[in-house]
């Protein structure tokens, strides 16, 4: 969210999707920019069609914690299952697992930069796990326990691997990394 205004000012955006809950000051600032640029925005949606694919927003309820109100998104592309956890905590993970039948996830974008508040041992067992995390960050992310929980998964980290791209070509999943 911290770079959203820069993204909207630097790239063409048609629509912006906010998570559930009241807008915080940073979101209100972004909304002012969106209004000036006449960019539509939505909040707390359930699903979104993109071409022939559908994104499912898996919020189970509105929380009083902004991280737990993060958009949690599930999609299937060419029979590969992707799960993007935002900053959701283990409590949200449990509720999502209880509500939705999520198995055999191929790619998991790990919640909250791999902090100790997310990716419990009971959570999704994915073939590939992606942790978006800055080098030498002040929080010490990702947490060692989270890395241990993801041990059965092939882990990619932006602090070590740089950008991470998943491509599906001829029904095969290909992963490319690019360190700077």
Protein backbone atom coordinates (compact mmCIF):
# COMPACT_ATOMS: atom_id res chain seq x y z
CA UNK A 1 0.00 0.00 0.00
CA UNK A 2 2.90 2.32 0.75
CA UNK A 3 3.86 2.58 -2.93
CA UNK A 4 0.33 2.62 -4.36
CA UNK A 5 0.34 6.34 -5.23
CA UNK A 6 3.70 6.00 -7.01
CA UNK A 7 2.38 2.97 -8.92
CA UNK A 8 -0.77 4.79 -10.01
CA UNK A 9 1.30 7.82 -11.06
CA UNK A 10 3.89 5.72 -12.92
CA UNK A 11 1.72 3.10 -14.65
CA UNK A 12 -1.64 3.03 -16.39
CA UNK A 13 -4.28 1.76 -13.98
CA UNK A 14 -7.89 1.21 -14.96
CA UNK A 15 -9.21 0.14 -11.56
CA UNK A 16 -8.00 -0.21 -7.99
CA UNK A 17 -9.36 -2.71 -5.47
CA UNK A 18 -9.23 -1.94 -1.77
CA UNK A 19 -9.61 -4.48 1.00
CA UNK A 20 -12.56 -4.57 3.38
CA UNK A 21 -12.84 -2.11 6.24
CA UNK A 22 -12.76 1.64 6.63
CA UNK A 23 -10.24 3.61 4.60
CA UNK A 24 -7.13 4.67 6.51
CA UNK A 25 -5.29 7.96 5.87
CA UNK A 26 -2.99 6.46 3.23
CA UNK A 27 -5.96 4.94 1.40
CA UNK A 28 -7.83 8.27 1.53
CA UNK A 29 -4.77 9.97 0.04
CA UNK A 30 -4.73 7.38 -2.76
CA UNK A 31 -8.47 7.90 -3.36
CA UNK A 32 -7.82 11.64 -3.89
CA UNK A 33 -5.27 10.75 -6.59
CA UNK A 34 -7.66 8.21 -8.14
CA UNK A 35 -10.47 10.77 -8.23
CA UNK A 36 -8.21 13.34 -9.93
CA UNK A 37 -7.13 10.76 -12.51
CA UNK A 38 -10.74 9.48 -12.89
CA UNK A 39 -9.67 5.94 -11.99
CA UNK A 40 -12.46 3.76 -10.62
CA UNK A 41 -11.96 1.96 -7.34
CA UNK A 42 -13.82 -0.75 -5.46
CA UNK A 43 -13.81 -2.13 -1.96
CA UNK A 44 -14.50 -5.55 -0.47
CA UNK A 45 -15.36 -7.39 -3.69
CA UNK A 46 -15.92 -11.16 -3.88
CA UNK A 47 -14.64 -12.01 -7.37
CA UNK A 48 -13.19 -10.44 -10.48
CA UNK A 49 -13.12 -11.73 -14.06
CA UNK A 50 -9.94 -11.12 -16.03
CA UNK A 51 -10.20 -12.49 -19.56
CA UNK A 52 -11.14 -16.16 -19.08
CA UNK A 53 -9.79 -16.27 -15.53
CA UNK A 54 -11.45 -15.44 -12.25
CA UNK A 55 -9.90 -14.04 -9.07
CA UNK A 56 -11.68 -15.02 -5.86
CA UNK A 57 -11.35 -12.71 -2.84
CA UNK A 58 -11.55 -14.97 0.20
CA UNK A 59 -12.27 -12.61 3.07
CA UNK A 60 -14.40 -14.39 5.65
CA UNK A 61 -15.41 -11.28 7.59
CA UNK A 62 -14.30 -7.76 8.43
CA UNK A 63 -11.57 -7.57 11.07
CA UNK A 64 -10.49 -4.78 13.35
CA UNK A 65 -6.91 -5.48 12.25
CA UNK A 66 -5.85 -3.97 8.93
CA UNK A 67 -3.44 -6.81 8.12
CA UNK A 68 -6.24 -9.36 8.50
CA UNK A 69 -8.40 -7.24 6.20
CA UNK A 70 -5.80 -7.71 3.44
CA UNK A 71 -7.13 -8.99 0.16
CA UNK A 72 -6.59 -12.76 0.09
CA UNK A 73 -6.89 -13.92 -3.51
CA UNK A 74 -7.22 -17.37 -5.05
CA UNK A 75 -7.14 -18.15 -8.76
CA UNK A 76 -6.65 -21.07 -11.13
CA UNK A 77 -4.82 -20.56 -14.41
CA UNK A 78 -4.39 -23.54 -16.78
CA UNK A 79 -5.14 -25.89 -13.86
CA UNK A 80 -2.41 -24.31 -11.70
CA UNK A 81 -3.69 -23.00 -8.36
CA UNK A 82 -2.37 -19.71 -6.98
CA UNK A 83 -2.99 -18.23 -3.52
CA UNK A 84 -1.99 -14.68 -2.55
CA UNK A 85 -2.18 -14.08 1.22
CA UNK A 86 -1.61 -10.33 1.55
CA UNK A 87 -0.72 -9.62 5.20
CA UNK A 88 -3.27 -12.04 6.67
CA UNK A 89 -2.40 -13.68 9.99
CA UNK A 90 -2.70 -17.29 11.13
CA UNK A 91 -6.19 -16.53 12.54
CA UNK A 92 -7.40 -15.47 9.08
CA UNK A 93 -5.65 -18.47 7.51
CA UNK A 94 -7.56 -20.81 9.80
CA UNK A 95 -10.90 -19.19 8.99
CA UNK A 96 -10.16 -19.36 5.25
CA UNK A 97 -9.23 -23.04 5.50
CA UNK A 98 -12.40 -23.72 7.50
CA UNK A 99 -14.61 -21.92 4.96
CA UNK A 100 -13.02 -22.90 1.62
CA UNK A 101 -11.82 -26.20 0.26
CA UNK A 102 -8.27 -25.29 -0.72
CA UNK A 103 -5.97 -28.16 -1.55
CA UNK A 104 -3.04 -28.80 -3.85
CA UNK A 105 -2.00 -25.16 -4.13
CA UNK A 106 0.82 -24.82 -6.63
CA UNK A 107 2.01 -21.31 -5.78
CA UNK A 108 1.55 -19.59 -2.42
CA UNK A 109 2.46 -15.93 -1.96
CA UNK A 110 3.29 -16.15 1.75
CA UNK A 111 1.43 -13.77 4.06
CA UNK A 112 2.94 -10.71 5.71
CA UNK A 113 6.46 -11.04 4.29
CA UNK A 114 6.98 -14.32 6.13
CA UNK A 115 6.44 -12.78 9.57
CA UNK A 116 5.80 -15.03 12.56
CA UNK A 117 2.12 -13.99 12.49
CA UNK A 118 1.44 -15.90 9.26
CA UNK A 119 1.91 -19.27 7.52
CA UNK A 120 1.18 -21.61 10.41
CA UNK A 121 2.17 -25.29 10.16
CA UNK A 122 -1.50 -26.20 9.56
CA UNK A 123 -1.77 -23.84 6.62
CA UNK A 124 -1.53 -24.61 2.93
CA UNK A 125 1.13 -26.98 1.72
CA UNK A 126 2.20 -25.51 -1.62
CA UNK A 127 4.68 -26.72 -4.22
CA UNK A 128 6.20 -23.23 -4.47
CA UNK A 129 6.22 -20.47 -1.85
CA UNK A 130 7.02 -16.86 -2.62
CA UNK A 131 8.10 -14.46 0.12
CA UNK A 132 8.10 -10.79 -0.80
CA UNK A 133 10.65 -9.32 1.59
CA UNK A 134 13.28 -6.58 1.56
CA UNK A 135 16.96 -7.32 2.10
CA UNK A 136 18.12 -6.81 5.69
CA UNK A 137 14.69 -5.51 6.71
CA UNK A 138 14.32 -4.15 10.24
CA UNK A 139 11.74 -6.80 11.16
CA UNK A 140 14.01 -9.76 10.48
CA UNK A 141 11.54 -11.21 7.97
CA UNK A 142 11.14 -13.94 6.99
CA UNK A 143 10.81 -15.66 10.35
CA UNK A 144 12.80 -18.90 10.80
CA UNK A 145 9.74 -20.78 12.09
CA UNK A 146 7.77 -19.76 8.98
CA UNK A 147 10.64 -20.95 6.77
CA UNK A 148 10.59 -24.27 8.69
CA UNK A 149 6.80 -24.50 8.15
CA UNK A 150 7.36 -24.07 4.41
CA UNK A 151 10.16 -26.65 4.34
CA UNK A 152 8.29 -29.02 2.00
CA UNK A 153 7.88 -26.22 -0.53
CA UNK A 154 10.41 -24.74 -2.95
CA UNK A 155 10.87 -21.24 -1.47
CA UNK A 156 11.62 -18.15 -3.53
CA UNK A 157 12.44 -14.88 -1.76
CA UNK A 158 12.67 -11.44 -3.28
CA UNK A 159 15.55 -10.53 -0.94
CA UNK A 160 17.64 -13.40 -2.35
CA UNK A 161 16.14 -14.11 -5.78
CA UNK A 162 15.09 -10.61 -6.87
CA UNK A 163 12.00 -10.47 -9.05
CA UNK A 164 10.18 -13.76 -9.48
CA UNK A 165 8.09 -14.49 -12.56
CA UNK A 166 5.82 -17.45 -13.16
CA UNK A 167 5.02 -18.28 -16.76
CA UNK A 168 2.70 -20.96 -18.06
CA UNK A 169 3.69 -22.13 -21.50
CA UNK A 170 2.39 -25.30 -23.16
CA UNK A 171 0.63 -26.10 -19.85
CA UNK A 172 3.98 -26.16 -18.00
CA UNK A 173 4.80 -23.83 -15.14
CA UNK A 174 8.14 -22.08 -15.55
CA UNK A 175 9.78 -19.92 -12.88
CA UNK A 176 12.27 -17.18 -13.66
CA UNK A 177 14.16 -15.02 -11.20
CA UNK A 178 16.18 -11.87 -11.82
CA UNK A 179 18.45 -10.44 -9.14
CA UNK A 180 19.56 -6.86 -9.52
